[in-house]
Amino acid sequence: MTRQAQGRSGQYAKYAPASVSKSSSAGSTALCGDIGASDASTGHSATPQYLKEFVENTLKDNKNWPTSDGTGSSSNDNATKVATDLTKLTPEEKTIVAGLLAKTIEGGEVVEIRAVSSTSVMVNL
């Protein structure tokens, strides 16, 4: 989820294909969970944006994974942000995510998921 700039109500970062330098007219980002610009801006989202918007606006065309494109990107920054968010899920939410991952993985191999919870989950496909 994008976060609002400190002291700026309703000024959330807006997911886009590439991050830009935050300014008075730009608040777009390709970084998962980024913060909006702190100055008055017209280039933001009035509400938080979630994983759905991240996938639709940022991950399209096989870009921004595992590293975001644009200003301020660093190695594996999006993968790190998503992994951090996964560790904050409740046990029930982690079970749902593990099930969704199992459905999306193609092939008949065994997949071990360690980062979703403190215990390993084995998925046989």
Protein backbone atom coordinates (compact mmCIF):
# COMPACT_ATOMS: atom_id res chain seq x y z
CA MET A 1 0.00 0.00 0.00
CA THR A 2 1.28 3.44 -0.83
CA ARG A 3 1.69 5.82 2.08
CA GLN A 4 0.88 9.50 2.38
CA ALA A 5 3.50 12.19 2.70
CA GLN A 6 4.12 13.28 6.28
CA GLY A 7 1.84 16.17 7.17
CA ARG A 8 -0.10 15.87 3.89
CA SER A 9 -3.55 14.38 4.26
CA GLY A 10 -4.73 12.51 1.17
CA GLN A 11 -1.44 12.82 -0.69
CA TYR A 12 -0.37 9.24 -1.46
CA ALA A 13 2.21 8.03 -3.94
CA LYS A 14 0.66 6.87 -7.23
CA TYR A 15 1.89 3.65 -8.87
CA ALA A 16 3.40 4.14 -12.33
CA PRO A 17 5.76 2.37 -14.76
CA ALA A 18 8.77 4.32 -13.40
CA SER A 19 9.62 6.41 -10.35
CA VAL A 20 10.21 10.12 -10.79
CA SER A 21 11.82 12.72 -8.57
CA LYS A 22 9.11 13.89 -6.21
CA SER A 23 8.09 17.49 -6.91
CA SER A 24 5.14 19.86 -6.79
CA SER A 25 3.61 18.13 -9.81
CA ALA A 26 4.90 14.56 -9.54
CA GLY A 27 4.18 11.90 -6.97
CA SER A 28 4.33 8.75 -9.09
CA THR A 29 6.42 5.73 -8.13
CA ALA A 30 7.41 2.24 -9.24
CA LEU A 31 8.42 1.27 -5.70
CA CYS A 32 6.00 -0.87 -3.71
CA GLY A 33 4.75 0.99 -0.61
CA ASP A 34 6.40 4.30 -1.50
CA ILE A 35 5.51 7.65 0.10
CA GLY A 36 4.06 10.66 -1.71
CA ALA A 37 6.00 13.93 -2.07
CA SER A 38 5.92 16.26 0.93
CA ASP A 39 5.21 19.45 -1.01
CA ALA A 40 1.85 20.50 -2.46
CA SER A 41 1.25 18.33 -5.49
CA THR A 42 -1.25 17.46 -8.19
CA GLY A 43 0.46 14.21 -9.25
CA HIS A 44 -0.64 12.02 -6.37
CA SER A 45 -3.44 9.62 -5.51
CA ALA A 46 -6.06 10.90 -3.04
CA THR A 47 -6.33 7.40 -1.53
CA PRO A 48 -3.83 4.62 -0.81
CA GLN A 49 -3.03 2.32 -3.71
CA TYR A 50 -2.77 -1.41 -3.09
CA LEU A 51 -1.28 -4.55 -4.66
CA LYS A 52 -3.91 -4.52 -7.43
CA GLU A 53 -2.80 -1.05 -8.62
CA PHE A 54 0.86 -2.01 -8.16
CA VAL A 55 0.43 -4.99 -10.48
CA GLU A 56 -1.72 -3.11 -13.02
CA ASN A 57 0.37 0.07 -13.24
CA THR A 58 3.89 -0.93 -12.26
CA LEU A 59 4.54 -4.60 -13.04
CA LYS A 60 3.10 -4.55 -16.57
CA ASP A 61 5.35 -5.40 -19.53
CA ASN A 62 7.65 -7.45 -17.27
CA LYS A 63 9.18 -4.34 -15.69
CA ASN A 64 9.97 -3.30 -12.12
CA TRP A 65 10.57 -6.78 -10.72
CA PRO A 66 12.59 -7.46 -8.63
CA THR A 67 14.03 -3.93 -8.95
CA SER A 68 12.00 -0.79 -9.65
CA ASP A 69 12.78 1.47 -12.60
CA GLY A 70 13.45 5.18 -12.39
CA THR A 71 14.76 7.66 -9.87
CA GLY A 72 16.05 6.23 -6.59
CA SER A 73 15.85 2.53 -7.42
CA SER A 74 18.16 0.06 -5.71
CA SER A 75 18.90 -3.62 -6.22
CA ASN A 76 15.86 -5.84 -5.50
CA ASP A 77 13.98 -2.95 -3.85
CA ASN A 78 10.49 -4.13 -4.88
CA ALA A 79 11.16 -7.74 -3.92
CA THR A 80 12.41 -6.59 -0.51
CA LYS A 81 9.34 -4.38 0.07
CA VAL A 82 6.91 -7.17 -0.87
CA ALA A 83 8.77 -9.69 1.34
CA THR A 84 8.62 -7.22 4.24
CA ASP A 85 4.87 -6.81 3.75
CA LEU A 86 4.38 -10.60 3.67
CA THR A 87 6.04 -11.01 7.06
CA LYS A 88 3.49 -8.60 8.57
CA LEU A 89 0.46 -10.69 7.51
CA THR A 90 -1.64 -12.60 10.01
CA PRO A 91 -1.33 -16.42 10.03
CA GLU A 92 -4.66 -16.65 8.17
CA GLU A 93 -3.52 -14.17 5.51
CA LYS A 94 -0.24 -16.08 5.10
CA THR A 95 -2.20 -19.27 4.47
CA ILE A 96 -4.23 -17.52 1.76
CA VAL A 97 -1.07 -16.13 0.12
CA ALA A 98 0.60 -19.57 0.19
CA GLY A 99 -2.48 -21.07 -1.48
CA LEU A 100 -2.51 -18.38 -4.17
CA LEU A 101 1.19 -18.90 -4.83
CA ALA A 102 0.62 -22.63 -5.18
CA LYS A 103 -2.13 -22.02 -7.75
CA THR A 104 0.04 -19.71 -9.85
CA ILE A 105 3.18 -21.84 -9.97
CA GLU A 106 3.27 -23.97 -13.11
CA GLY A 107 4.76 -27.45 -13.38
CA GLY A 108 4.84 -30.52 -11.18
CA GLU A 109 7.73 -29.64 -8.93
CA VAL A 110 7.88 -29.31 -5.16
CA VAL A 111 8.14 -25.70 -4.05
CA GLU A 112 9.31 -24.65 -0.61
CA ILE A 113 8.09 -21.31 0.70
CA ARG A 114 10.09 -20.06 3.70
CA ALA A 115 9.53 -16.29 3.68
CA VAL A 116 5.76 -16.42 4.21
CA SER A 117 5.85 -17.58 7.82
CA SER A 118 8.21 -18.73 10.51
CA THR A 119 7.63 -22.36 9.52
CA SER A 120 8.30 -23.81 6.10
CA VAL A 121 5.42 -24.75 3.84
CA MET A 122 5.83 -27.55 1.30
CA VAL A 123 3.59 -27.44 -1.74
CA ASN A 124 3.29 -30.44 -4.04
CA LEU A 125 1.92 -29.57 -7.45
